[in-house]
Amino acid sequence: MTRITKRTFLKTTAGTALALAWGQTAQATANQAVTIKGFAFVPATIDIKAGDTVTFTNLDGAPHTATADDGSFDTATLRRGKSAALTFSKAGEFSYFCKFHKNMKAVIRVS
């Protein structure tokens, strides 16, 4: 049987707690949400980091899309209550719109 000293126990548990806290922080900032309601993207502008994922959720009765102006992404049609998640791997500013409602516009800024 191995004997663990108080010092070894404290070092091990402190390191584990730090690793867990870091993992939770990293995960909390890696996922962002954009809701579609009232024929608008909310928020209209979102700032994220490269590698983050944005989940688009349609809360309207009408179908919507989130489609990049430059064609770099498209959620396809999202009906009420449906979601699509997209990961942004490179930095830049991405303007997007709804294919069904061209007046619905928003921006994702990736650093």
N, C-alpha and C. Protein backbone atom coordinates (compact mmCIF):
# COMPACT_ATOMS: atom_id res chain seq x y z
N MET A 1 0.84 -1.18 0.00
CA MET A 1 0.00 0.00 0.00
C MET A 1 0.89 1.24 0.00
N THR A 2 0.54 2.21 -0.82
CA THR A 2 1.32 3.42 -0.94
C THR A 2 0.84 4.44 0.08
N ARG A 3 1.80 5.07 0.72
CA ARG A 3 1.47 6.09 1.70
C ARG A 3 1.57 7.46 1.03
N ILE A 4 0.50 8.24 1.10
CA ILE A 4 0.48 9.57 0.50
C ILE A 4 0.59 10.60 1.61
N THR A 5 1.59 11.46 1.46
CA THR A 5 1.76 12.51 2.46
C THR A 5 0.75 13.63 2.22
N LYS A 6 0.57 14.43 3.22
CA LYS A 6 -0.35 15.56 3.11
C LYS A 6 0.11 16.51 1.99
N ARG A 7 1.42 16.74 1.89
CA ARG A 7 1.96 17.63 0.86
C ARG A 7 1.67 17.09 -0.55
N THR A 8 1.88 15.81 -0.76
CA THR A 8 1.61 15.20 -2.06
C THR A 8 0.13 15.29 -2.39
N PHE A 9 -0.71 15.02 -1.42
CA PHE A 9 -2.15 15.08 -1.62
C PHE A 9 -2.58 16.49 -2.03
N LEU A 10 -2.07 17.51 -1.34
CA LEU A 10 -2.44 18.89 -1.65
C LEU A 10 -1.95 19.31 -3.04
N LYS A 11 -0.73 18.90 -3.42
CA LYS A 11 -0.22 19.22 -4.75
C LYS A 11 -1.10 18.59 -5.83
N THR A 12 -1.45 17.34 -5.63
CA THR A 12 -2.24 16.61 -6.62
C THR A 12 -3.64 17.20 -6.75
N THR A 13 -4.30 17.45 -5.65
CA THR A 13 -5.66 17.98 -5.71
C THR A 13 -5.68 19.41 -6.23
N ALA A 14 -4.69 20.21 -5.89
CA ALA A 14 -4.64 21.59 -6.38
C ALA A 14 -4.45 21.60 -7.89
N GLY A 15 -3.56 20.74 -8.39
CA GLY A 15 -3.34 20.65 -9.83
C GLY A 15 -4.58 20.17 -10.56
N THR A 16 -5.27 19.21 -10.00
CA THR A 16 -6.50 18.70 -10.61
C THR A 16 -7.58 19.77 -10.63
N ALA A 17 -7.73 20.49 -9.54
CA ALA A 17 -8.73 21.55 -9.47
C ALA A 17 -8.43 22.64 -10.48
N LEU A 18 -7.16 22.99 -10.63
CA LEU A 18 -6.77 24.02 -11.60
C LEU A 18 -7.07 23.55 -13.02
N ALA A 19 -6.76 22.31 -13.33
CA ALA A 19 -7.02 21.77 -14.66
C ALA A 19 -8.52 21.74 -14.95
N LEU A 20 -9.30 21.36 -13.98
CA LEU A 20 -10.75 21.33 -14.18
C LEU A 20 -11.31 22.73 -14.37
N ALA A 21 -10.85 23.67 -13.58
CA ALA A 21 -11.33 25.05 -13.71
C ALA A 21 -10.94 25.62 -15.07
N TRP A 22 -9.72 25.34 -15.53
CA TRP A 22 -9.29 25.83 -16.83
C TRP A 22 -10.14 25.21 -17.93
N GLY A 23 -10.42 23.94 -17.84
CA GLY A 23 -11.24 23.27 -18.85
C GLY A 23 -12.64 23.85 -18.90
N GLN A 24 -13.21 24.16 -17.76
CA GLN A 24 -14.56 24.73 -17.73
C GLN A 24 -14.57 26.13 -18.32
N THR A 25 -13.55 26.91 -18.05
CA THR A 25 -13.47 28.26 -18.61
C THR A 25 -13.32 28.20 -20.12
N ALA A 26 -12.44 27.34 -20.60
CA ALA A 26 -12.22 27.24 -22.04
C ALA A 26 -13.49 26.80 -22.74
N GLN A 27 -14.19 25.85 -22.17
CA GLN A 27 -15.41 25.37 -22.78
C GLN A 27 -16.50 26.45 -22.76
N ALA A 28 -16.60 27.21 -21.71
CA ALA A 28 -17.63 28.23 -21.60
C ALA A 28 -17.48 29.31 -22.67
N THR A 29 -16.25 29.60 -23.07
CA THR A 29 -16.05 30.64 -24.08
C THR A 29 -16.04 30.10 -25.50
N ALA A 30 -16.09 28.77 -25.67
CA ALA A 30 -15.98 28.17 -26.99
C ALA A 30 -17.31 28.07 -27.71
N ASN A 31 -18.42 28.25 -27.02
CA ASN A 31 -19.73 28.13 -27.65
C ASN A 31 -20.54 29.41 -27.44
N GLN A 32 -21.02 29.94 -28.55
CA GLN A 32 -21.81 31.16 -28.52
C GLN A 32 -23.18 30.87 -29.13
N ALA A 33 -24.17 31.65 -28.80
CA ALA A 33 -25.53 31.43 -29.31
C ALA A 33 -26.05 32.66 -30.04
N VAL A 34 -26.71 32.41 -31.14
CA VAL A 34 -27.45 33.44 -31.87
C VAL A 34 -28.87 32.91 -32.02
N THR A 35 -29.83 33.67 -31.52
CA THR A 35 -31.22 33.27 -31.70
C THR A 35 -31.82 34.07 -32.85
N ILE A 36 -32.80 33.46 -33.46
CA ILE A 36 -33.52 34.12 -34.55
C ILE A 36 -34.94 34.30 -34.05
N LYS A 37 -35.30 35.56 -33.79
CA LYS A 37 -36.65 35.85 -33.30
C LYS A 37 -37.06 37.24 -33.74
N GLY A 38 -38.34 37.38 -34.00
CA GLY A 38 -38.83 38.68 -34.46
C GLY A 38 -38.22 39.08 -35.78
N PHE A 39 -37.89 38.09 -36.62
CA PHE A 39 -37.27 38.33 -37.92
C PHE A 39 -35.97 39.12 -37.78
N ALA A 40 -35.16 38.72 -36.78
CA ALA A 40 -33.85 39.34 -36.55
C ALA A 40 -32.91 38.32 -35.92
N PHE A 41 -31.60 38.51 -36.16
CA PHE A 41 -30.58 37.73 -35.49
C PHE A 41 -30.21 38.43 -34.19
N VAL A 42 -30.22 37.71 -33.09
CA VAL A 42 -29.94 38.31 -31.78
C VAL A 42 -28.81 37.52 -31.11
N PRO A 43 -27.64 38.15 -30.91
CA PRO A 43 -27.31 39.55 -31.19
C PRO A 43 -27.01 39.76 -32.67
N ALA A 44 -27.11 41.00 -33.11
CA ALA A 44 -26.85 41.33 -34.50
C ALA A 44 -25.36 41.32 -34.82
N THR A 45 -24.53 41.55 -33.81
CA THR A 45 -23.07 41.46 -33.96
C THR A 45 -22.54 40.64 -32.80
N ILE A 46 -21.67 39.69 -33.13
CA ILE A 46 -21.10 38.83 -32.09
C ILE A 46 -19.60 38.74 -32.32
N ASP A 47 -18.83 38.82 -31.23
CA ASP A 47 -17.37 38.70 -31.29
C ASP A 47 -16.97 37.36 -30.69
N ILE A 48 -16.22 36.58 -31.47
CA ILE A 48 -15.77 35.26 -31.01
C ILE A 48 -14.30 35.09 -31.34
N LYS A 49 -13.73 33.98 -30.89
CA LYS A 49 -12.34 33.65 -31.19
C LYS A 49 -12.31 32.51 -32.20
N ALA A 50 -11.24 32.46 -32.98
CA ALA A 50 -11.08 31.38 -33.94
C ALA A 50 -11.17 30.04 -33.19
N GLY A 51 -11.94 29.13 -33.73
CA GLY A 51 -12.16 27.84 -33.11
C GLY A 51 -13.47 27.76 -32.33
N ASP A 52 -14.10 28.90 -32.09
CA ASP A 52 -15.38 28.92 -31.37
C ASP A 52 -16.50 28.42 -32.28
N THR A 53 -17.53 27.93 -31.65
CA THR A 53 -18.71 27.45 -32.34
C THR A 53 -19.88 28.38 -32.05
N VAL A 54 -20.65 28.71 -33.08
CA VAL A 54 -21.86 29.51 -32.92
C VAL A 54 -23.05 28.62 -33.26
N THR A 55 -24.01 28.58 -32.34
CA THR A 55 -25.23 27.81 -32.57
C THR A 55 -26.35 28.79 -32.87
N PHE A 56 -26.97 28.62 -34.04
CA PHE A 56 -28.09 29.44 -34.48
C PHE A 56 -29.37 28.66 -34.19
N THR A 57 -30.32 29.30 -33.47
CA THR A 57 -31.58 28.64 -33.14
C THR A 57 -32.74 29.52 -33.58
N ASN A 58 -33.64 28.94 -34.36
CA ASN A 58 -34.79 29.67 -34.88
C ASN A 58 -35.96 29.58 -33.90
N LEU A 59 -36.38 30.71 -33.37
CA LEU A 59 -37.53 30.76 -32.46
C LEU A 59 -38.77 31.33 -33.15
N ASP A 60 -38.63 31.71 -34.43
CA ASP A 60 -39.76 32.25 -35.19
C ASP A 60 -40.59 31.12 -35.80
N GLY A 61 -41.81 31.43 -36.18
CA GLY A 61 -42.66 30.47 -36.88
C GLY A 61 -42.25 30.27 -38.33
N ALA A 62 -41.60 31.28 -38.92
CA ALA A 62 -41.15 31.21 -40.31
C ALA A 62 -39.78 30.54 -40.40
N PRO A 63 -39.49 29.89 -41.52
CA PRO A 63 -38.15 29.32 -41.70
C PRO A 63 -37.13 30.42 -41.96
N HIS A 64 -35.88 30.17 -41.56
CA HIS A 64 -34.78 31.12 -41.76
C HIS A 64 -33.51 30.36 -42.09
N THR A 65 -32.51 31.12 -42.57
CA THR A 65 -31.16 30.61 -42.72
C THR A 65 -30.20 31.63 -42.13
N ALA A 66 -28.97 31.20 -41.89
CA ALA A 66 -27.86 32.11 -41.61
C ALA A 66 -26.85 31.80 -42.71
N THR A 67 -26.75 32.70 -43.68
CA THR A 67 -25.95 32.46 -44.88
C THR A 67 -24.93 33.58 -45.04
N ALA A 68 -23.66 33.23 -45.14
CA ALA A 68 -22.60 34.23 -45.29
C ALA A 68 -22.74 34.97 -46.62
N ASP A 69 -22.49 36.27 -46.58
CA ASP A 69 -22.51 37.08 -47.79
C ASP A 69 -21.53 36.53 -48.83
N ASP A 70 -20.37 36.03 -48.34
CA ASP A 70 -19.34 35.52 -49.25
C ASP A 70 -19.50 34.03 -49.56
N GLY A 71 -20.56 33.41 -49.05
CA GLY A 71 -20.83 32.00 -49.31
C GLY A 71 -20.00 31.03 -48.49
N SER A 72 -19.26 31.52 -47.50
CA SER A 72 -18.38 30.65 -46.71
C SER A 72 -19.12 29.75 -45.73
N PHE A 73 -20.36 30.08 -45.39
CA PHE A 73 -21.17 29.20 -44.54
C PHE A 73 -22.65 29.38 -44.82
N ASP A 74 -23.41 28.36 -44.48
CA ASP A 74 -24.87 28.38 -44.64
C ASP A 74 -25.45 27.31 -43.72
N THR A 75 -26.39 27.71 -42.89
CA THR A 75 -26.99 26.74 -41.97
C THR A 75 -28.01 25.84 -42.65
N ALA A 76 -28.39 26.15 -43.89
CA ALA A 76 -29.53 25.53 -44.56
C ALA A 76 -30.79 26.01 -43.84
N THR A 77 -31.93 25.53 -44.25
CA THR A 77 -33.20 26.01 -43.70
C THR A 77 -33.38 25.54 -42.26
N LEU A 78 -33.65 26.51 -41.39
CA LEU A 78 -33.95 26.21 -39.98
C LEU A 78 -35.43 26.50 -39.74
N ARG A 79 -36.17 25.48 -39.45
CA ARG A 79 -37.58 25.65 -39.11
C ARG A 79 -37.69 25.97 -37.62
N ARG A 80 -38.87 26.35 -37.17
CA ARG A 80 -39.08 26.72 -35.76
C ARG A 80 -38.54 25.65 -34.82
N GLY A 81 -37.74 26.10 -33.85
CA GLY A 81 -37.18 25.21 -32.84
C GLY A 81 -35.94 24.45 -33.26
N LYS A 82 -35.51 24.59 -34.50
CA LYS A 82 -34.34 23.88 -35.00
C LYS A 82 -33.08 24.74 -34.85
N SER A 83 -31.95 24.05 -34.75
CA SER A 83 -30.66 24.73 -34.57
C SER A 83 -29.62 24.17 -35.53
N ALA A 84 -28.60 24.95 -35.75
CA ALA A 84 -27.43 24.52 -36.51
C ALA A 84 -26.21 25.15 -35.86
N ALA A 85 -25.14 24.36 -35.72
CA ALA A 85 -23.91 24.84 -35.11
C ALA A 85 -22.81 24.92 -36.16
N LEU A 86 -22.11 26.04 -36.18
CA LEU A 86 -21.00 26.25 -37.11
C LEU A 86 -19.76 26.66 -36.34
N THR A 87 -18.63 26.08 -36.68
CA THR A 87 -17.36 26.42 -36.05
C THR A 87 -16.58 27.33 -36.99
N PHE A 88 -16.05 28.42 -36.43
CA PHE A 88 -15.31 29.41 -37.21
C PHE A 88 -13.82 29.25 -36.91
N SER A 89 -13.07 28.77 -37.88
CA SER A 89 -11.67 28.44 -37.65
C SER A 89 -10.69 29.55 -38.02
N LYS A 90 -11.12 30.52 -38.82
CA LYS A 90 -10.18 31.58 -39.20
C LYS A 90 -10.72 32.95 -38.83
N ALA A 91 -9.79 33.86 -38.59
CA ALA A 91 -10.14 35.22 -38.21
C ALA A 91 -10.73 35.98 -39.39
N GLY A 92 -11.58 36.93 -39.07
CA GLY A 92 -12.18 37.77 -40.10
C GLY A 92 -13.53 38.28 -39.65
N GLU A 93 -14.12 39.08 -40.49
CA GLU A 93 -15.46 39.60 -40.22
C GLU A 93 -16.40 39.00 -41.26
N PHE A 94 -17.43 38.32 -40.79
CA PHE A 94 -18.34 37.59 -41.65
C PHE A 94 -19.75 38.16 -41.55
N SER A 95 -20.17 38.84 -42.59
CA SER A 95 -21.53 39.35 -42.66
C SER A 95 -22.41 38.22 -43.17
N TYR A 96 -23.63 38.14 -42.64
CA TYR A 96 -24.54 37.10 -43.09
C TYR A 96 -25.97 37.59 -43.10
N PHE A 97 -26.86 36.81 -43.73
CA PHE A 97 -28.24 37.21 -43.93
C PHE A 97 -29.11 35.96 -43.97
N CYS A 98 -30.42 36.16 -44.03
CA CYS A 98 -31.38 35.07 -44.20
C CYS A 98 -31.78 35.02 -45.67
N LYS A 99 -31.67 33.85 -46.29
CA LYS A 99 -32.03 33.73 -47.71
C LYS A 99 -33.51 34.04 -47.97
N PHE A 100 -34.36 33.77 -46.98
CA PHE A 100 -35.79 34.00 -47.15
C PHE A 100 -36.19 35.45 -46.89
N HIS A 101 -35.42 36.13 -46.04
CA HIS A 101 -35.76 37.49 -45.62
C HIS A 101 -34.48 38.33 -45.72
N LYS A 102 -34.22 38.86 -46.88
CA LYS A 102 -32.96 39.54 -47.18
C LYS A 102 -32.66 40.74 -46.27
N ASN A 103 -33.68 41.27 -45.62
CA ASN A 103 -33.46 42.40 -44.70
C ASN A 103 -32.89 41.95 -43.36
N MET A 104 -32.89 40.67 -43.08
CA MET A 104 -32.29 40.14 -41.86
C MET A 104 -30.79 40.00 -42.07
N LYS A 105 -30.01 40.83 -41.36
CA LYS A 105 -28.56 40.84 -41.53
C LYS A 105 -27.87 40.88 -40.17
N ALA A 106 -26.66 40.33 -40.12
CA ALA A 106 -25.87 40.34 -38.90
C ALA A 106 -24.40 40.13 -39.23
N VAL A 107 -23.55 40.20 -38.21
CA VAL A 107 -22.10 40.08 -38.40
C VAL A 107 -21.50 39.22 -37.30
N ILE A 108 -20.55 38.37 -37.70
CA ILE A 108 -19.73 37.61 -36.75
C ILE A 108 -18.30 38.08 -36.95
N ARG A 109 -17.67 38.57 -35.88
CA ARG A 109 -16.27 39.00 -35.92
C ARG A 109 -15.44 37.96 -35.20
N VAL A 110 -14.50 37.37 -35.92
CA VAL A 110 -13.65 36.31 -35.37
C VAL A 110 -12.23 36.83 -35.22
N SER A 111 -11.70 36.73 -34.01
CA SER A 111 -10.31 37.19 -33.77
C SER A 111 -9.40 36.00 -33.52
